[in-house]
Amino acid sequence: MKGTTNIKTQVRTGTRENANVSDEVSKAGVYTIAVASAAIGIWGLACFVGGLVASGGPLAFVGNWFRAVSGM
């Protein structure tokens, strides 16, 4: 008589993901702040370039800035 052993295996596959609401809200907040910061930075750069053009160059821009700050 032969000795045989039957082995039963059960394989479960799948993924389970639980999304935490506070994590998703935090991500949305970070992205919103990043977009707002980028928009403010681009606006500031545009104002700086506009000031350079209106002053007539970088040296005139610095000179006009010192005159405006000192009240001359």
N, C-alpha and C. Protein backbone atom coordinates (compact mmCIF):
# COMPACT_ATOMS: atom_id res chain seq x y z
N MET A 1 0.82 -1.16 0.00
CA MET A 1 0.00 0.00 0.00
C MET A 1 0.89 1.25 0.00
N LYS A 2 0.51 2.16 -0.85
CA LYS A 2 1.28 3.40 -0.96
C LYS A 2 0.70 4.43 0.01
N GLY A 3 1.59 5.20 0.61
CA GLY A 3 1.14 6.28 1.48
C GLY A 3 1.04 7.57 0.67
N THR A 4 -0.14 8.09 0.52
CA THR A 4 -0.34 9.36 -0.21
C THR A 4 -0.95 10.39 0.73
N THR A 5 -0.57 11.60 0.46
CA THR A 5 -1.11 12.71 1.24
C THR A 5 -1.74 13.71 0.29
N ASN A 6 -2.93 14.05 0.55
CA ASN A 6 -3.61 15.08 -0.25
C ASN A 6 -3.46 16.42 0.47
N ILE A 7 -2.95 17.41 -0.27
CA ILE A 7 -2.78 18.75 0.28
C ILE A 7 -3.68 19.69 -0.50
N LYS A 8 -4.52 20.38 0.22
CA LYS A 8 -5.39 21.36 -0.41
C LYS A 8 -4.84 22.74 -0.10
N THR A 9 -4.70 23.54 -1.14
CA THR A 9 -4.26 24.91 -0.95
C THR A 9 -5.30 25.84 -1.55
N GLN A 10 -5.48 26.93 -0.88
CA GLN A 10 -6.41 27.93 -1.36
C GLN A 10 -5.64 29.24 -1.52
N VAL A 11 -5.72 29.80 -2.71
CA VAL A 11 -5.01 31.02 -3.01
C VAL A 11 -6.03 32.14 -3.19
N ARG A 12 -5.82 33.21 -2.44
CA ARG A 12 -6.69 34.37 -2.58
C ARG A 12 -5.86 35.52 -3.14
N THR A 13 -6.36 36.10 -4.16
CA THR A 13 -5.68 37.26 -4.74
C THR A 13 -6.65 38.42 -4.76
N GLY A 14 -6.13 39.58 -4.66
CA GLY A 14 -6.95 40.78 -4.68
C GLY A 14 -6.26 41.87 -3.87
N THR A 15 -6.75 43.04 -4.04
CA THR A 15 -6.21 44.16 -3.30
C THR A 15 -7.33 44.87 -2.59
N ARG A 16 -6.99 45.41 -1.47
CA ARG A 16 -7.96 46.18 -0.71
C ARG A 16 -7.29 47.49 -0.33
N GLU A 17 -7.95 48.57 -0.63
CA GLU A 17 -7.38 49.87 -0.33
C GLU A 17 -8.43 50.71 0.39
N ASN A 18 -8.05 51.17 1.53
CA ASN A 18 -8.93 52.03 2.30
C ASN A 18 -8.38 53.45 2.21
N ALA A 19 -9.15 54.34 1.64
CA ALA A 19 -8.73 55.73 1.52
C ALA A 19 -9.25 56.50 2.72
N ASN A 20 -8.35 57.12 3.40
CA ASN A 20 -8.71 57.92 4.56
C ASN A 20 -9.13 59.31 4.06
N VAL A 21 -10.27 59.78 4.48
CA VAL A 21 -10.80 61.05 3.99
C VAL A 21 -9.88 62.21 4.38
N SER A 22 -9.36 62.19 5.58
CA SER A 22 -8.50 63.29 6.01
C SER A 22 -7.21 63.35 5.19
N ASP A 23 -6.70 62.20 4.77
CA ASP A 23 -5.51 62.20 3.92
C ASP A 23 -5.81 62.83 2.56
N GLU A 24 -6.96 62.50 2.00
CA GLU A 24 -7.32 63.05 0.69
C GLU A 24 -7.58 64.55 0.77
N VAL A 25 -8.19 64.99 1.85
CA VAL A 25 -8.43 66.43 2.04
C VAL A 25 -7.10 67.15 2.21
N SER A 26 -6.18 66.53 2.93
CA SER A 26 -4.86 67.14 3.11
C SER A 26 -4.12 67.26 1.78
N LYS A 27 -4.21 66.24 0.95
CA LYS A 27 -3.57 66.29 -0.36
C LYS A 27 -4.17 67.40 -1.21
N ALA A 28 -5.49 67.53 -1.18
CA ALA A 28 -6.15 68.58 -1.96
C ALA A 28 -5.73 69.95 -1.44
N GLY A 29 -5.59 70.09 -0.14
CA GLY A 29 -5.15 71.36 0.43
C GLY A 29 -3.73 71.70 0.02
N VAL A 30 -2.86 70.72 0.02
CA VAL A 30 -1.46 70.96 -0.37
C VAL A 30 -1.40 71.37 -1.84
N TYR A 31 -2.15 70.69 -2.69
CA TYR A 31 -2.15 71.04 -4.12
C TYR A 31 -2.72 72.43 -4.34
N THR A 32 -3.76 72.79 -3.61
CA THR A 32 -4.35 74.12 -3.75
C THR A 32 -3.37 75.21 -3.34
N ILE A 33 -2.68 75.00 -2.23
CA ILE A 33 -1.70 75.97 -1.77
C ILE A 33 -0.53 76.07 -2.75
N ALA A 34 -0.12 74.94 -3.32
CA ALA A 34 0.98 74.95 -4.29
C ALA A 34 0.59 75.73 -5.55
N VAL A 35 -0.62 75.54 -6.03
CA VAL A 35 -1.07 76.26 -7.23
C VAL A 35 -1.18 77.75 -6.94
N ALA A 36 -1.72 78.11 -5.77
CA ALA A 36 -1.83 79.52 -5.41
C ALA A 36 -0.45 80.15 -5.27
N SER A 37 0.49 79.43 -4.69
CA SER A 37 1.86 79.95 -4.55
C SER A 37 2.52 80.16 -5.91
N ALA A 38 2.30 79.23 -6.81
CA ALA A 38 2.86 79.37 -8.16
C ALA A 38 2.26 80.58 -8.87
N ALA A 39 0.95 80.77 -8.73
CA ALA A 39 0.30 81.91 -9.37
C ALA A 39 0.82 83.23 -8.80
N ILE A 40 1.01 83.30 -7.48
CA ILE A 40 1.53 84.52 -6.86
C ILE A 40 2.97 84.77 -7.31
N GLY A 41 3.77 83.72 -7.42
CA GLY A 41 5.15 83.87 -7.89
C GLY A 41 5.23 84.35 -9.32
N ILE A 42 4.38 83.82 -10.17
CA ILE A 42 4.36 84.26 -11.58
C ILE A 42 3.91 85.71 -11.66
N TRP A 43 2.92 86.09 -10.85
CA TRP A 43 2.44 87.48 -10.83
C TRP A 43 3.56 88.42 -10.37
N GLY A 44 4.29 88.04 -9.33
CA GLY A 44 5.40 88.85 -8.84
C GLY A 44 6.50 89.01 -9.89
N LEU A 45 6.81 87.94 -10.59
CA LEU A 45 7.81 88.02 -11.65
C LEU A 45 7.34 88.94 -12.77
N ALA A 46 6.07 88.86 -13.13
CA ALA A 46 5.54 89.73 -14.18
C ALA A 46 5.60 91.20 -13.75
N CYS A 47 5.31 91.47 -12.48
CA CYS A 47 5.39 92.86 -11.98
C CYS A 47 6.84 93.35 -11.98
N PHE A 48 7.76 92.49 -11.61
CA PHE A 48 9.18 92.86 -11.61
C PHE A 48 9.66 93.18 -13.02
N VAL A 49 9.31 92.35 -13.98
CA VAL A 49 9.71 92.59 -15.37
C VAL A 49 9.05 93.86 -15.89
N GLY A 50 7.79 94.09 -15.55
CA GLY A 50 7.11 95.32 -15.96
C GLY A 50 7.79 96.55 -15.39
N GLY A 51 8.23 96.48 -14.13
CA GLY A 51 8.95 97.59 -13.53
C GLY A 51 10.29 97.84 -14.20
N LEU A 52 10.97 96.76 -14.56
CA LEU A 52 12.25 96.93 -15.27
C LEU A 52 12.05 97.61 -16.61
N VAL A 53 11.03 97.20 -17.33
CA VAL A 53 10.76 97.78 -18.65
C VAL A 53 10.35 99.24 -18.51
N ALA A 54 9.49 99.55 -17.54
CA ALA A 54 9.01 100.91 -17.37
C ALA A 54 10.12 101.86 -16.90
N SER A 55 11.08 101.34 -16.15
CA SER A 55 12.17 102.18 -15.63
C SER A 55 13.23 102.45 -16.66
N GLY A 56 13.37 101.59 -17.61
CA GLY A 56 14.40 101.79 -18.63
C GLY A 56 15.62 100.90 -18.43
N GLY A 57 15.55 99.91 -17.59
CA GLY A 57 16.66 98.99 -17.40
C GLY A 57 16.88 98.69 -15.93
N PRO A 58 17.79 97.75 -15.66
CA PRO A 58 18.00 97.34 -14.27
C PRO A 58 18.61 98.43 -13.39
N LEU A 59 19.55 99.20 -13.91
CA LEU A 59 20.17 100.25 -13.09
C LEU A 59 19.19 101.36 -12.78
N ALA A 60 18.42 101.76 -13.76
CA ALA A 60 17.40 102.79 -13.53
C ALA A 60 16.34 102.27 -12.56
N PHE A 61 16.02 100.98 -12.65
CA PHE A 61 15.04 100.38 -11.75
C PHE A 61 15.52 100.47 -10.31
N VAL A 62 16.77 100.11 -10.06
CA VAL A 62 17.32 100.17 -8.69
C VAL A 62 17.38 101.62 -8.21
N GLY A 63 17.81 102.52 -9.09
CA GLY A 63 17.88 103.94 -8.71
C GLY A 63 16.51 104.50 -8.38
N ASN A 64 15.51 104.18 -9.20
CA ASN A 64 14.16 104.66 -8.93
C ASN A 64 13.60 104.05 -7.64
N TRP A 65 13.96 102.81 -7.36
CA TRP A 65 13.50 102.17 -6.12
C TRP A 65 14.07 102.88 -4.91
N PHE A 66 15.39 103.21 -4.95
CA PHE A 66 16.00 103.91 -3.82
C PHE A 66 15.39 105.29 -3.65
N ARG A 67 15.10 105.97 -4.76
CA ARG A 67 14.47 107.29 -4.66
C ARG A 67 13.07 107.17 -4.05
N ALA A 68 12.34 106.14 -4.42
CA ALA A 68 10.98 105.97 -3.89
C ALA A 68 11.02 105.64 -2.40
N VAL A 69 11.96 104.80 -1.98
CA VAL A 69 12.04 104.40 -0.58
C VAL A 69 12.54 105.54 0.29
N SER A 70 13.53 106.29 -0.19
CA SER A 70 14.11 107.35 0.62
C SER A 70 13.29 108.64 0.56
N GLY A 71 12.41 108.79 -0.41
CA GLY A 71 11.56 109.98 -0.51
C GLY A 71 12.21 111.11 -1.25
N MET A 72 13.20 110.85 -2.01
CA MET A 72 13.89 111.91 -2.77
C MET A 72 13.17 112.23 -4.04
